[in-house]
């Protein structure tokens, strides 16, 4: 029986994503000079100001206002009329040091917190990502690329934007077509805005991103459905770090343990273990072991080894999932301790700011997306 599944994404200019990018830029600045620095950086952005808080323990100095303003400028908030602008917004620093109670457990190699993390992969796209989320990311990324590199094609674009894609799945779980596309993009004041933006989005964005065979006469479009979207960014809505965790991961297609990623150094298993779980799930699917894979990991604060691992192949494989779990837990190249994950994926580097917009997964440049374990799984289970 056919069914529809929907996911959304937001652009780098969305207020929550502004905060995610600032948090990860602060993390990168620390790690670039002090790879073992401890960072938990949170941001709050609103009209004319951004508050940067959290806990940082490092041997280096960072010029926080310069880092923050650089991110805001790169995103495109560089005009006073936005009411949130790189050179004039207030940058308020309320950062403290990491609690020694937490540090004593992490310093010996233990997890930085308790919790459960999930990794997921599906064979429905070449990137092993759910189609609805993958195309939503591509829509808002295309809007940003046009805004930044082509001042003629859609010269009215402003930084804030959202997209949502509804995908129809067939009887065998295959992607059949796109049912509905929703795009809302901030824009300059202009006459006949909705009609012009609708035409431009369909011609210059949708057709450049969504494969032609997925668009049919039944596909529905909602472009700036409120009619006007001039006020946006942190002036339109307050932004917070960690408030787009479903956009960051699998678009609701897989469970989420609740922990956000941005602003956290890799000793925080909220981030590093989620990356490790994705790495394993993607390699399992890429190896042909299954068409779909969900992995749950769980940790206790101060304890290095995960307290549990659970693998679900969703009925797409004949492999015994308990045997697969045991194989991973005992394989020397698949350590799931924080130290093992950090070493295997080379996580103590300044690589995080790019993750903070357009998804942490399904992008080949990140080490947790590499297919370096595919042959191991294929040899033993495919």
Foldseek 3Di string as FASTA:
>chain_A
DKDKDKFKFKFCQAQQLLFLLLLLLVLQVQLAPFLPKFWFWKWKFAQQEMEIEEAIDGPDDDPSLVSSLVSQVVLPQDDVVLSYHSPGGYYHYHYHHDDVVQVVLVVVQAASAWWKFKAKFFQQDPLRADPFLQLNLQLNVLLSCCCVPPCPLAVFFDRIKMKMWMFMADPVRHTQATQEIEIETAGADDPPPQVVQQVSSVVRRVPVRPDPRRDDPNYYYHYNVVRHHHHRGNHVPMYIHQPPQCSQHHRPPADGTRDGAGNGALSHCSHLVNLLNNLVNLLCCVLVQFRMKMKMFTHHRSHFATPDIFMDRPPGHPDDRVVVRVCLPPDPQNGSGSVSSCVNQVRSHSPPSVSSHSYVGSDPVGSSSDNPCNVVSNVPRD
